[in-house]
C-alpha atoms as a PDB file:
ATOM      1  CA  MET A   1       8.957  15.991  -9.509  1.00  0.00           C
ATOM      2  CA  ASP A   2      12.298  16.520  -8.222  1.00  0.00           C
ATOM      3  CA  ALA A   3      13.561  13.261  -9.634  1.00  0.00           C
ATOM      4  CA  LEU A   4      12.395  14.211 -12.998  1.00  0.00           C
ATOM      5  CA  GLN A   5      14.054  17.663 -12.832  1.00  0.00           C
ATOM      6  CA  ARG A   6      17.224  16.168 -11.555  1.00  0.00           C
ATOM      7  CA  ALA A   7      17.031  13.398 -14.304  1.00  0.00           C
ATOM      8  CA  ASN A   8      16.580  16.251 -17.033  1.00  0.00           C
ATOM      9  CA  ASP A   9      19.329  18.358 -15.691  1.00  0.00           C
ATOM     10  CA  ILE A  10      21.821  15.271 -15.903  1.00  0.00           C
ATOM     11  CA  ARG A  11      20.704  14.756 -19.422  1.00  0.00           C
ATOM     12  CA  SER A  12      21.204  18.398 -20.423  1.00  0.00           C
ATOM     13  CA  ALA A  13      24.813  18.407 -18.715  1.00  0.00           C
ATOM     14  CA  ARG A  14      25.685  15.022 -20.631  1.00  0.00           C
ATOM     15  CA  ALA A  15      24.417  16.285 -24.060  1.00  0.00           C
ATOM     16  CA  GLN A  16      26.439  19.679 -23.524  1.00  0.00           C
ATOM     17  CA  LEU A  17      29.601  17.711 -22.391  1.00  0.00           C
ATOM     18  CA  LYS A  18      29.182  15.417 -25.469  1.00  0.00           C
ATOM     19  CA  ARG A  19      28.782  18.488 -27.871  1.00  0.00           C
ATOM     20  CA  ASP A  20      32.141  19.864 -26.200  1.00  0.00           C
ATOM     21  CA  LEU A  21      33.916  16.663 -26.862  1.00  0.00           C
ATOM     22  CA  LYS A  22      32.844  16.821 -30.374  1.00  0.00           C
ATOM     23  CA  ALA A  23      34.138  20.191 -30.892  1.00  0.00           C
ATOM     24  CA  GLY A  24      37.524  19.322 -29.000  1.00  0.00           C
ATOM     25  CA  ARG A  25      36.743  22.123 -26.218  1.00  0.00           C
ATOM     26  CA  GLN A  26      36.800  19.215 -23.488  1.00  0.00           C
ATOM     27  CA  PRO A  27      39.601  16.560 -23.354  1.00  0.00           C
ATOM     28  CA  ILE A  28      38.429  13.079 -22.755  1.00  0.00           C
ATOM     29  CA  HIS A  29      41.333  12.056 -20.306  1.00  0.00           C
ATOM     30  CA  GLU A  30      40.197  14.325 -17.680  1.00  0.00           C
ATOM     31  CA  LEU A  31      36.736  13.150 -17.631  1.00  0.00           C
ATOM     32  CA  LEU A  32      37.932   9.562 -17.518  1.00  0.00           C
ATOM     33  CA  LEU A  33      40.383  10.081 -14.284  1.00  0.00           C
ATOM     34  CA  ASP A  34      38.130  12.575 -12.644  1.00  0.00           C
ATOM     35  CA  PRO A  35      34.536  12.282 -13.756  1.00  0.00           C
ATOM     36  CA  PRO A  36      32.016  14.794 -12.415  1.00  0.00           C
ATOM     37  CA  GLU A  37      29.024  13.519 -10.481  1.00  0.00           C
ATOM     38  CA  TYR A  38      26.536  13.481 -13.251  1.00  0.00           C
ATOM     39  CA  LEU A  39      28.823  11.473 -15.327  1.00  0.00           C
ATOM     40  CA  GLU A  40      29.091   8.572 -12.948  1.00  0.00           C
ATOM     41  CA  THR A  41      26.140   6.644 -14.384  1.00  0.00           C
ATOM     42  CA  ALA A  42      26.914   7.103 -18.139  1.00  0.00           C
ATOM     43  CA  LYS A  43      28.248   4.531 -20.227  1.00  0.00           C
ATOM     44  CA  VAL A  44      31.799   4.590 -21.219  1.00  0.00           C
ATOM     45  CA  PHE A  45      30.976   3.401 -24.924  1.00  0.00           C
ATOM     46  CA  ASP A  46      28.460   6.365 -25.450  1.00  0.00           C
ATOM     47  CA  LEU A  47      31.275   8.767 -24.078  1.00  0.00           C
ATOM     48  CA  LEU A  48      33.926   7.456 -26.241  1.00  0.00           C
ATOM     49  CA  LEU A  49      31.740   7.690 -29.249  1.00  0.00           C
ATOM     50  CA  ALA A  50      31.362  11.449 -28.715  1.00  0.00           C
ATOM     51  CA  VAL A  51      35.056  11.876 -29.188  1.00  0.00           C
ATOM     52  CA  PRO A  52      36.066  12.724 -32.922  1.00  0.00           C
ATOM     53  CA  LYS A  53      37.465  10.258 -35.222  1.00  0.00           C
ATOM     54  CA  TYR A  54      36.105   7.463 -32.940  1.00  0.00           C
ATOM     55  CA  GLY A  55      33.248   5.072 -34.169  1.00  0.00           C
ATOM     56  CA  ARG A  56      31.687   2.008 -33.216  1.00  0.00           C
ATOM     57  CA  VAL A  57      34.450  -0.308 -34.549  1.00  0.00           C
ATOM     58  CA  LYS A  58      37.243   1.660 -32.849  1.00  0.00           C
ATOM     59  CA  VAL A  59      35.626   2.129 -29.591  1.00  0.00           C
ATOM     60  CA  ASN A  60      35.014  -1.775 -29.292  1.00  0.00           C
ATOM     61  CA  LYS A  61      38.360  -2.303 -30.272  1.00  0.00           C
ATOM     62  CA  ILE A  62      39.644  -0.185 -27.399  1.00  0.00           C
ATOM     63  CA  LEU A  63      37.079  -1.407 -24.646  1.00  0.00           C
ATOM     64  CA  SER A  64      38.368  -5.234 -25.568  1.00  0.00           C
ATOM     65  CA  THR A  65      41.957  -4.265 -25.518  1.00  0.00           C
ATOM     66  CA  CYS A  66      41.392  -2.678 -21.993  1.00  0.00           C
ATOM     67  CA  ARG A  67      39.183  -5.695 -20.658  1.00  0.00           C
ATOM     68  CA  ILE A  68      36.211  -3.347 -20.203  1.00  0.00           C
ATOM     69  CA  SER A  69      32.490  -4.314 -21.165  1.00  0.00           C
ATOM     70  CA  PRO A  70      30.639  -1.900 -23.651  1.00  0.00           C
ATOM     71  CA  SER A  71      27.971  -1.707 -20.918  1.00  0.00           C
ATOM     72  CA  LYS A  72      30.052  -0.558 -17.982  1.00  0.00           C
ATOM     73  CA  THR A  73      29.685   2.845 -16.784  1.00  0.00           C
ATOM     74  CA  ILE A  74      32.050   5.509 -16.013  1.00  0.00           C
ATOM     75  CA  GLY A  75      31.547   5.176 -12.111  1.00  0.00           C
ATOM     76  CA  GLY A  76      32.123   1.449 -12.451  1.00  0.00           C
ATOM     77  CA  LEU A  77      35.545   1.600 -13.740  1.00  0.00           C
ATOM     78  CA  SER A  78      38.521   0.483 -11.631  1.00  0.00           C
ATOM     79  CA  GLN A  79      41.528   2.504 -11.405  1.00  0.00           C
ATOM     80  CA  ARG A  80      43.303   0.001 -13.387  1.00  0.00           C
ATOM     81  CA  GLN A  81      40.926   0.469 -16.203  1.00  0.00           C
ATOM     82  CA  ARG A  82      40.802   3.969 -15.921  1.00  0.00           C
ATOM     83  CA  THR A  83      44.523   4.367 -16.400  1.00  0.00           C
ATOM     84  CA  GLU A  84      44.764   1.877 -19.032  1.00  0.00           C
ATOM     85  CA  LEU A  85      42.030   3.605 -21.095  1.00  0.00           C
ATOM     86  CA  VAL A  86      43.675   6.932 -20.865  1.00  0.00           C
ATOM     87  CA  GLU A  87      46.997   5.576 -21.908  1.00  0.00           C
ATOM     88  CA  LEU A  88      45.533   3.696 -24.845  1.00  0.00           C
ATOM     89  CA  MET A  89      43.751   6.849 -25.840  1.00  0.00           C
ATOM     90  CA  ARG A  90      46.747   9.235 -25.685  1.00  0.00           C
ATOM     91  CA  ARG A  91      48.421   6.846 -28.053  1.00  0.00           C
ATOM     92  CA  ARG A  92      45.944   7.100 -30.880  1.00  0.00           C
END
């Protein structure tokens, strides 16, 4: 039951974070450079899709430019991938 409750809490926190990203209340750069613990197992692809003006095509193009697999998790990103992704997102 504890694991189920923890999973529900994580899903709720991620859903709220995605709503904040869509509304522009949370910058994506901070999340990529220093992600909270509940975001470590989230997919990079899903997080980028929550950013306004970013659809599947643009997100796939960004990920391929940074040599990041669409199935990669936030916690699985190397420091090089994080900084490269943030720099690319700031330019757009």
